[in-house]
Amino acid sequence: MIFFFIIVSEKGRELGAAQGEIKALRATEALKDKAIEEVSKFCGYIAWKFYLYHAVFKAHTSVMK
Protein backbone atom coordinates (compact mmCIF):
# COMPACT_ATOMS: atom_id res chain seq x y z
CA MET A 1 0.00 0.00 0.00
CA ILE A 2 2.81 2.45 0.83
CA PHE A 3 4.46 1.63 -2.49
CA PHE A 4 1.27 2.71 -4.29
CA PHE A 5 1.26 6.10 -2.53
CA ILE A 6 4.93 6.63 -3.40
CA ILE A 7 4.18 6.00 -7.08
CA VAL A 8 1.12 8.28 -6.98
CA SER A 9 3.04 11.10 -5.32
CA GLU A 10 5.88 10.64 -7.82
CA LYS A 11 3.42 10.87 -10.71
CA GLY A 12 1.86 13.92 -9.07
CA ARG A 13 5.23 15.67 -9.00
CA GLU A 14 5.83 14.73 -12.65
CA LEU A 15 2.40 16.06 -13.56
CA GLY A 16 3.08 19.31 -11.69
CA ALA A 17 6.39 19.73 -13.49
CA ALA A 18 4.75 19.06 -16.85
CA GLN A 19 1.99 21.59 -16.10
CA GLY A 20 4.64 24.16 -15.18
CA GLU A 21 6.43 23.57 -18.47
CA ILE A 22 3.15 23.95 -20.37
CA LYS A 23 2.47 27.28 -18.63
CA ALA A 24 5.96 28.51 -19.48
CA LEU A 25 5.57 27.48 -23.11
CA ARG A 26 2.21 29.25 -23.37
CA ALA A 27 3.71 32.42 -21.89
CA THR A 28 6.64 32.20 -24.30
CA GLU A 29 4.28 31.70 -27.23
CA ALA A 30 2.20 34.70 -26.17
CA LEU A 31 5.34 36.87 -26.03
CA LYS A 32 6.40 35.58 -29.45
CA ASP A 33 2.97 36.41 -30.91
CA LYS A 34 3.11 39.91 -29.43
CA ALA A 35 6.60 40.47 -30.86
CA ILE A 36 5.47 39.29 -34.30
CA GLU A 37 2.52 41.67 -34.16
CA GLU A 38 4.78 44.60 -33.24
CA VAL A 39 7.25 43.78 -36.01
CA SER A 40 4.41 43.49 -38.53
CA LYS A 41 3.07 46.91 -37.52
CA PHE A 42 6.55 48.39 -37.77
CA CYS A 43 7.07 46.89 -41.23
CA GLY A 44 3.76 48.39 -42.34
CA TYR A 45 4.86 51.77 -41.02
CA ILE A 46 8.19 51.53 -42.86
CA ALA A 47 6.44 50.49 -46.08
CA TRP A 48 4.08 53.47 -45.74
CA LYS A 49 7.01 55.87 -45.19
CA PHE A 50 8.82 54.39 -48.18
CA TYR A 51 5.73 54.94 -50.33
CA LEU A 52 5.48 58.58 -49.21
CA TYR A 53 9.18 59.28 -49.77
CA HIS A 54 8.99 57.60 -53.16
CA ALA A 55 6.00 59.78 -54.13
CA VAL A 56 7.79 62.94 -52.98
CA PHE A 57 10.97 61.96 -54.82
CA LYS A 58 9.02 61.16 -57.98
CA ALA A 59 7.19 64.51 -57.79
CA HIS A 60 10.46 66.32 -57.14
CA THR A 61 12.25 64.70 -60.08
CA SER A 62 9.36 65.40 -62.44
CA VAL A 63 9.45 69.10 -61.44
CA MET A 64 13.20 69.23 -62.13
CA LYS A 65 12.76 67.95 -65.72
C-alpha atoms as a PDB file:
ATOM      1  CA  MET A   1       0.000   0.000   0.000  1.00  0.00           C
ATOM      2  CA  ILE A   2       2.814   2.454   0.826  1.00  0.00           C
ATOM      3  CA  PHE A   3       4.465   1.634  -2.490  1.00  0.00           C
ATOM      4  CA  PHE A   4       1.267   2.707  -4.291  1.00  0.00           C
ATOM      5  CA  PHE A   5       1.262   6.096  -2.530  1.00  0.00           C
ATOM      6  CA  ILE A   6       4.929   6.626  -3.403  1.00  0.00           C
ATOM      7  CA  ILE A   7       4.177   5.999  -7.083  1.00  0.00           C
ATOM      8  CA  VAL A   8       1.119   8.278  -6.976  1.00  0.00           C
ATOM      9  CA  SER A   9       3.036  11.104  -5.320  1.00  0.00           C
ATOM     10  CA  GLU A  10       5.878  10.640  -7.821  1.00  0.00           C
ATOM     11  CA  LYS A  11       3.421  10.868 -10.707  1.00  0.00           C
ATOM     12  CA  GLY A  12       1.864  13.923  -9.071  1.00  0.00           C
ATOM     13  CA  ARG A  13       5.230  15.668  -9.002  1.00  0.00           C
ATOM     14  CA  GLU A  14       5.835  14.733 -12.647  1.00  0.00           C
ATOM     15  CA  LEU A  15       2.402  16.063 -13.562  1.00  0.00           C
ATOM     16  CA  GLY A  16       3.076  19.310 -11.689  1.00  0.00           C
ATOM     17  CA  ALA A  17       6.394  19.735 -13.486  1.00  0.00           C
ATOM     18  CA  ALA A  18       4.754  19.061 -16.850  1.00  0.00           C
ATOM     19  CA  GLN A  19       1.992  21.588 -16.102  1.00  0.00           C
ATOM     20  CA  GLY A  20       4.640  24.155 -15.177  1.00  0.00           C
ATOM     21  CA  GLU A  21       6.427  23.568 -18.472  1.00  0.00           C
ATOM     22  CA  ILE A  22       3.148  23.953 -20.367  1.00  0.00           C
ATOM     23  CA  LYS A  23       2.471  27.284 -18.627  1.00  0.00           C
ATOM     24  CA  ALA A  24       5.965  28.507 -19.477  1.00  0.00           C
ATOM     25  CA  LEU A  25       5.568  27.479 -23.113  1.00  0.00           C
ATOM     26  CA  ARG A  26       2.208  29.253 -23.366  1.00  0.00           C
ATOM     27  CA  ALA A  27       3.710  32.423 -21.893  1.00  0.00           C
ATOM     28  CA  THR A  28       6.641  32.204 -24.303  1.00  0.00           C
ATOM     29  CA  GLU A  29       4.281  31.695 -27.231  1.00  0.00           C
ATOM     30  CA  ALA A  30       2.195  34.702 -26.168  1.00  0.00           C
ATOM     31  CA  LEU A  31       5.338  36.866 -26.031  1.00  0.00           C
ATOM     32  CA  LYS A  32       6.397  35.578 -29.449  1.00  0.00           C
ATOM     33  CA  ASP A  33       2.973  36.406 -30.914  1.00  0.00           C
ATOM     34  CA  LYS A  34       3.107  39.909 -29.431  1.00  0.00           C
ATOM     35  CA  ALA A  35       6.596  40.475 -30.862  1.00  0.00           C
ATOM     36  CA  ILE A  36       5.475  39.286 -34.300  1.00  0.00           C
ATOM     37  CA  GLU A  37       2.519  41.668 -34.163  1.00  0.00           C
ATOM     38  CA  GLU A  38       4.780  44.595 -33.237  1.00  0.00           C
ATOM     39  CA  VAL A  39       7.254  43.780 -36.013  1.00  0.00           C
ATOM     40  CA  SER A  40       4.408  43.491 -38.528  1.00  0.00           C
ATOM     41  CA  LYS A  41       3.072  46.907 -37.515  1.00  0.00           C
ATOM     42  CA  PHE A  42       6.554  48.392 -37.765  1.00  0.00           C
ATOM     43  CA  CYS A  43       7.073  46.890 -41.229  1.00  0.00           C
ATOM     44  CA  GLY A  44       3.759  48.388 -42.343  1.00  0.00           C
ATOM     45  CA  TYR A  45       4.856  51.766 -41.022  1.00  0.00           C
ATOM     46  CA  ILE A  46       8.191  51.531 -42.855  1.00  0.00           C
ATOM     47  CA  ALA A  47       6.439  50.492 -46.081  1.00  0.00           C
ATOM     48  CA  TRP A  48       4.081  53.468 -45.741  1.00  0.00           C
ATOM     49  CA  LYS A  49       7.007  55.866 -45.191  1.00  0.00           C
ATOM     50  CA  PHE A  50       8.816  54.393 -48.183  1.00  0.00           C
ATOM     51  CA  TYR A  51       5.731  54.939 -50.328  1.00  0.00           C
ATOM     52  CA  LEU A  52       5.481  58.578 -49.210  1.00  0.00           C
ATOM     53  CA  TYR A  53       9.176  59.282 -49.768  1.00  0.00           C
ATOM     54  CA  HIS A  54       8.993  57.604 -53.156  1.00  0.00           C
ATOM     55  CA  ALA A  55       5.999  59.781 -54.130  1.00  0.00           C
ATOM     56  CA  VAL A  56       7.786  62.942 -52.980  1.00  0.00           C
ATOM     57  CA  PHE A  57      10.972  61.957 -54.823  1.00  0.00           C
ATOM     58  CA  LYS A  58       9.018  61.159 -57.979  1.00  0.00           C
ATOM     59  CA  ALA A  59       7.191  64.511 -57.787  1.00  0.00           C
ATOM     60  CA  HIS A  60      10.460  66.323 -57.139  1.00  0.00           C
ATOM     61  CA  THR A  61      12.255  64.705 -60.077  1.00  0.00           C
ATOM     62  CA  SER A  62       9.362  65.396 -62.440  1.00  0.00           C
ATOM     63  CA  VAL A  63       9.450  69.100 -61.441  1.00  0.00           C
ATOM     64  CA  MET A  64      13.197  69.227 -62.131  1.00  0.00           C
ATOM     65  CA  LYS A  65      12.761  67.953 -65.719  1.00  0.00           C
END
